[in-house]
C-alpha atoms as a PDB file:
ATOM      1  CA  MET A   1      92.136  88.935 107.619  1.00  0.00           C
ATOM      2  CA  THR A   2      92.671  87.363 112.098  1.00  0.00           C
ATOM      3  CA  THR A   3      91.314  84.411 112.079  1.00  0.00           C
ATOM      4  CA  ALA A   4      90.877  80.971 109.640  1.00  0.00           C
ATOM      5  CA  SER A   5      88.528  77.920 109.635  1.00  0.00           C
ATOM      6  CA  ALA A   6      89.930  74.506 109.697  1.00  0.00           C
ATOM      7  CA  LEU A   7      88.196  72.375 107.356  1.00  0.00           C
ATOM      8  CA  GLU A   8      89.554  67.987 108.421  1.00  0.00           C
ATOM      9  CA  ILE A   9      92.077  66.100 110.109  1.00  0.00           C
ATOM     10  CA  THR A  10      91.265  62.413 108.862  1.00  0.00           C
ATOM     11  CA  ILE A  11      93.572  59.678 110.831  1.00  0.00           C
ATOM     12  CA  ASP A  12      92.789  56.671 108.874  1.00  0.00           C
ATOM     13  CA  VAL A  13      91.621  53.949 111.310  1.00  0.00           C
ATOM     14  CA  ALA A  14      94.785  52.021 110.994  1.00  0.00           C
ATOM     15  CA  HIS A  15      96.634  54.426 112.730  1.00  0.00           C
ATOM     16  CA  LEU A  16      94.905  55.495 115.270  1.00  0.00           C
ATOM     17  CA  GLY A  17      95.988  55.708 118.994  1.00  0.00           C
ATOM     18  CA  ARG A  18      99.381  57.040 118.310  1.00  0.00           C
ATOM     19  CA  GLY A  19      99.132  60.302 119.085  1.00  0.00           C
ATOM     20  CA  LEU A  20      98.737  61.847 114.995  1.00  0.00           C
ATOM     21  CA  SER A  21      95.592  63.571 116.399  1.00  0.00           C
ATOM     22  CA  TYR A  22      97.259  65.582 118.611  1.00  0.00           C
ATOM     23  CA  ARG A  23     100.379  66.001 115.858  1.00  0.00           C
ATOM     24  CA  MET A  24      97.934  67.226 113.540  1.00  0.00           C
ATOM     25  CA  LEU A  25      96.332  69.478 115.705  1.00  0.00           C
ATOM     26  CA  ALA A  26      99.040  71.478 116.865  1.00  0.00           C
ATOM     27  CA  ALA A  27     100.911  71.668 113.016  1.00  0.00           C
ATOM     28  CA  MET A  28      97.315  73.487 112.042  1.00  0.00           C
ATOM     29  CA  ARG A  29      97.875  75.573 115.090  1.00  0.00           C
ATOM     30  CA  GLU A  30     101.430  76.203 113.853  1.00  0.00           C
ATOM     31  CA  ALA A  31     100.795  77.226 110.662  1.00  0.00           C
ATOM     32  CA  VAL A  32      97.590  79.509 111.179  1.00  0.00           C
ATOM     33  CA  GLY A  33      99.922  80.984 114.037  1.00  0.00           C
ATOM     34  CA  ARG A  34     102.965  81.564 111.688  1.00  0.00           C
ATOM     35  CA  GLN A  35     100.878  83.766 109.303  1.00  0.00           C
ATOM     36  CA  GLY A  36      99.917  86.297 111.726  1.00  0.00           C
ATOM     37  CA  LEU A  37      96.684  85.033 112.213  1.00  0.00           C
ATOM     38  CA  ALA A  38      94.801  85.542 116.161  1.00  0.00           C
ATOM     39  CA  ALA A  39      92.940  82.416 116.419  1.00  0.00           C
ATOM     40  CA  LEU A  40      92.049  78.921 113.941  1.00  0.00           C
ATOM     41  CA  VAL A  41      88.273  77.748 114.036  1.00  0.00           C
ATOM     42  CA  ALA A  42      87.400  74.189 113.828  1.00  0.00           C
ATOM     43  CA  PRO A  43      84.055  72.754 112.811  1.00  0.00           C
ATOM     44  CA  VAL A  44      85.197  69.528 114.835  1.00  0.00           C
ATOM     45  CA  ARG A  45      82.465  66.567 114.324  1.00  0.00           C
ATOM     46  CA  PRO A  46      82.847  64.176 117.728  1.00  0.00           C
ATOM     47  CA  THR A  47      84.157  60.887 117.642  1.00  0.00           C
ATOM     48  CA  ALA A  48      82.297  58.973 119.798  1.00  0.00           C
ATOM     49  CA  LYS A  49      78.797  61.415 119.397  1.00  0.00           C
ATOM     50  CA  HIS A  50      77.200  58.220 116.626  1.00  0.00           C
ATOM     51  CA  LEU A  51      76.485  56.207 119.603  1.00  0.00           C
ATOM     52  CA  ARG A  52      73.994  58.609 120.733  1.00  0.00           C
ATOM     53  CA  PRO A  53      72.685  59.792 117.730  1.00  0.00           C
ATOM     54  CA  ARG A  54      69.225  60.584 119.751  1.00  0.00           C
ATOM     55  CA  LEU A  55      70.964  62.757 122.185  1.00  0.00           C
ATOM     56  CA  PRO A  56      70.963  66.113 121.221  1.00  0.00           C
ATOM     57  CA  MET A  57      73.616  68.019 120.515  1.00  0.00           C
ATOM     58  CA  ALA A  58      73.881  70.805 123.143  1.00  0.00           C
ATOM     59  CA  GLU A  59      73.409  67.986 126.002  1.00  0.00           C
ATOM     60  CA  TYR A  60      76.581  65.828 124.222  1.00  0.00           C
ATOM     61  CA  LEU A  61      78.734  68.670 124.545  1.00  0.00           C
ATOM     62  CA  ARG A  62      77.710  69.288 129.045  1.00  0.00           C
ATOM     63  CA  GLU A  63      78.747  65.822 128.958  1.00  0.00           C
ATOM     64  CA  VAL A  64      82.742  65.490 130.634  1.00  0.00           C
ATOM     65  CA  ARG A  65      85.281  63.231 132.515  1.00  0.00           C
ATOM     66  CA  ASP A  66      85.637  63.331 136.160  1.00  0.00           C
ATOM     67  CA  ASP A  67      88.989  65.549 135.402  1.00  0.00           C
ATOM     68  CA  GLY A  68      86.419  67.988 133.461  1.00  0.00           C
ATOM     69  CA  LEU A  69      87.482  67.605 130.064  1.00  0.00           C
ATOM     70  CA  PRO A  70      84.782  66.582 127.410  1.00  0.00           C
ATOM     71  CA  ALA A  71      83.927  63.108 127.694  1.00  0.00           C
ATOM     72  CA  ASP A  72      84.124  62.642 123.558  1.00  0.00           C
ATOM     73  CA  PRO A  73      87.544  61.821 122.269  1.00  0.00           C
ATOM     74  CA  TRP A  74      88.583  64.528 119.727  1.00  0.00           C
ATOM     75  CA  LEU A  75      86.696  67.638 121.670  1.00  0.00           C
ATOM     76  CA  ARG A  76      89.362  67.069 124.424  1.00  0.00           C
ATOM     77  CA  VAL A  77      91.854  66.489 122.000  1.00  0.00           C
ATOM     78  CA  HIS A  78      91.102  70.215 120.943  1.00  0.00           C
ATOM     79  CA  VAL A  79      90.758  71.224 124.376  1.00  0.00           C
ATOM     80  CA  LYS A  80      93.869  70.144 126.170  1.00  0.00           C
ATOM     81  CA  ALA A  81      95.518  71.868 122.729  1.00  0.00           C
ATOM     82  CA  GLY A  82      94.361  74.917 124.482  1.00  0.00           C
ATOM     83  CA  GLY A  83      90.739  75.466 122.097  1.00  0.00           C
ATOM     84  CA  THR A  84      87.536  76.307 123.737  1.00  0.00           C
ATOM     85  CA  ILE A  85      84.405  74.945 122.485  1.00  0.00           C
ATOM     86  CA  GLU A  86      82.128  77.369 121.419  1.00  0.00           C
ATOM     87  CA  LYS A  87      78.799  75.878 120.701  1.00  0.00           C
ATOM     88  CA  ALA A  88      77.176  73.354 118.871  1.00  0.00           C
ATOM     89  CA  ALA A  89      76.397  73.965 114.919  1.00  0.00           C
ATOM     90  CA  PRO A  90      72.954  72.711 114.351  1.00  0.00           C
ATOM     91  CA  ALA A  91      73.473  72.338 110.418  1.00  0.00           C
ATOM     92  CA  SER A  92      76.924  71.661 109.345  1.00  0.00           C
ATOM     93  CA  MET A  93      76.250  69.300 106.551  1.00  0.00           C
ATOM     94  CA  THR A  94      73.293  67.947 104.724  1.00  0.00           C
ATOM     95  CA  VAL A  95      73.248  64.914 103.021  1.00  0.00           C
ATOM     96  CA  SER A  96      69.799  64.283 100.389  1.00  0.00           C
ATOM     97  CA  GLY A  97      69.451  61.390  98.036  1.00  0.00           C
ATOM     98  CA  THR A  98      66.232  59.304  97.393  1.00  0.00           C
ATOM     99  CA  PRO A  99      65.584  55.963  99.898  1.00  0.00           C
ATOM    100  CA  ALA A 100      66.997  54.444  97.053  1.00  0.00           C
ATOM    101  CA  GLU A 101      69.975  55.882  96.738  1.00  0.00           C
ATOM    102  CA  TRP A 102      70.143  55.629 100.613  1.00  0.00           C
ATOM    103  CA  ARG A 103      69.243  52.056 100.356  1.00  0.00           C
ATOM    104  CA  ARG A 104      72.558  51.525  98.261  1.00  0.00           C
ATOM    105  CA  TRP A 105      74.721  53.936 100.604  1.00  0.00           C
ATOM    106  CA  THR A 106      73.932  52.177 103.569  1.00  0.00           C
ATOM    107  CA  GLY A 107      72.309  48.969 102.711  1.00  0.00           C
ATOM    108  CA  LEU A 108      69.413  49.902 105.254  1.00  0.00           C
ATOM    109  CA  PRO A 109      65.666  48.961 103.709  1.00  0.00           C
ATOM    110  CA  PHE A 110      64.303  53.464 103.677  1.00  0.00           C
ATOM    111  CA  ASP A 111      61.340  52.098 103.476  1.00  0.00           C
ATOM    112  CA  ARG A 112      59.053  53.688 106.328  1.00  0.00           C
ATOM    113  CA  ASP A 113      58.182  57.604 106.942  1.00  0.00           C
ATOM    114  CA  GLY A 114      60.057  59.143 109.955  1.00  0.00           C
ATOM    115  CA  GLU A 115      63.463  58.511 111.944  1.00  0.00           C
ATOM    116  CA  ILE A 116      65.609  56.531 110.331  1.00  0.00           C
ATOM    117  CA  GLU A 117      69.254  55.779 113.221  1.00  0.00           C
ATOM    118  CA  VAL A 118      72.280  54.716 110.596  1.00  0.00           C
ATOM    119  CA  PRO A 119      75.691  53.630 111.791  1.00  0.00           C
ATOM    120  CA  SER A 120      77.818  56.017 111.973  1.00  0.00           C
ATOM    121  CA  ALA A 121      75.802  59.360 111.315  1.00  0.00           C
ATOM    122  CA  LEU A 122      75.976  61.678 114.413  1.00  0.00           C
ATOM    123  CA  VAL A 123      72.037  62.176 114.230  1.00  0.00           C
ATOM    124  CA  PRO A 124      68.867  59.975 113.359  1.00  0.00           C
ATOM    125  CA  VAL A 125      68.264  60.700 108.887  1.00  0.00           C
ATOM    126  CA  GLU A 126      64.969  61.868 108.629  1.00  0.00           C
ATOM    127  CA  CYS A 127      62.899  59.320 105.697  1.00  0.00           C
ATOM    128  CA  ASP A 128      59.884  61.183 103.220  1.00  0.00           C
ATOM    129  CA  THR A 129      58.984  57.884 101.263  1.00  0.00           C
ATOM    130  CA  ARG A 130      55.496  60.061  99.735  1.00  0.00           C
ATOM    131  CA  HIS A 131      57.876  62.486  98.691  1.00  0.00           C
ATOM    132  CA  ASP A 132      60.978  60.522  98.027  1.00  0.00           C
ATOM    133  CA  ARG A 133      63.575  62.379 100.034  1.00  0.00           C
ATOM    134  CA  VAL A 134      65.769  61.081 102.848  1.00  0.00           C
ATOM    135  CA  SER A 135      67.802  63.442 104.012  1.00  0.00           C
ATOM    136  CA  TYR A 136      70.424  64.069 107.028  1.00  0.00           C
ATOM    137  CA  VAL A 137      71.586  67.146 108.522  1.00  0.00           C
ATOM    138  CA  GLU A 138      75.124  66.475 110.758  1.00  0.00           C
ATOM    139  CA  PRO A 139      75.836  68.592 113.981  1.00  0.00           C
ATOM    140  CA  ASN A 140      79.054  69.702 114.802  1.00  0.00           C
ATOM    141  CA  VAL A 141      80.975  72.113 117.001  1.00  0.00           C
ATOM    142  CA  TRP A 142      82.428  75.108 116.837  1.00  0.00           C
ATOM    143  CA  VAL A 143      85.864  75.297 118.633  1.00  0.00           C
ATOM    144  CA  ARG A 144      87.892  78.431 118.871  1.00  0.00           C
ATOM    145  CA  HIS A 145      91.590  77.992 119.625  1.00  0.00           C
ATOM    146  CA  GLY A 146      93.309  81.622 120.612  1.00  0.00           C
ATOM    147  CA  LEU A 147      96.873  82.311 118.518  1.00  0.00           C
ATOM    148  CA  ARG A 148      99.858  84.203 119.805  1.00  0.00           C
ATOM    149  CA  PRO A 149     100.162  85.757 116.256  1.00  0.00           C
END
C-alpha cells in the first residue's frame, strides 16, 4: 500500500480561528508519513461552497485569490500544507428521504418539485413529490498530499 485516505477533520465552530485545522492536517500528514506511505488523499468539503450552491464545483475550484491560492478557506489550508487539488468528485455523499423527513430535518416545506436550496448544503436538493423522494448528492474535492516516507 502506498496511499492513505483521510475521512474527516471537523472543528467545532466554537474553536474556529485558532489554527486547529492546520494542526489537525499536519498531524494527519505526519501519521501517514510515519507509516511509510507516499501519499495522503483527502475528500475535502469546501467550507464556503454552501454560499454558492448553484455554482458547479468545477467552476468553484477555479476561483482563486490574488495570491493564486484557492478562494475557499479549507481548500487553501490543504494547498498551503502542500496538497494538490486533483479534481471535483461530483457524488461523494448522498442523503435521501421523504419530503416529510426533509421537512423535519430542515424546517423547509419541500412541497414542490425541483431544486431546493437548503442552508449549508453545497448544492441544491432535488425534490420529487410525485415519488415522495428528496435527494441530496453532495460533491467534494479530491486533494492529494505527496509525502516523504
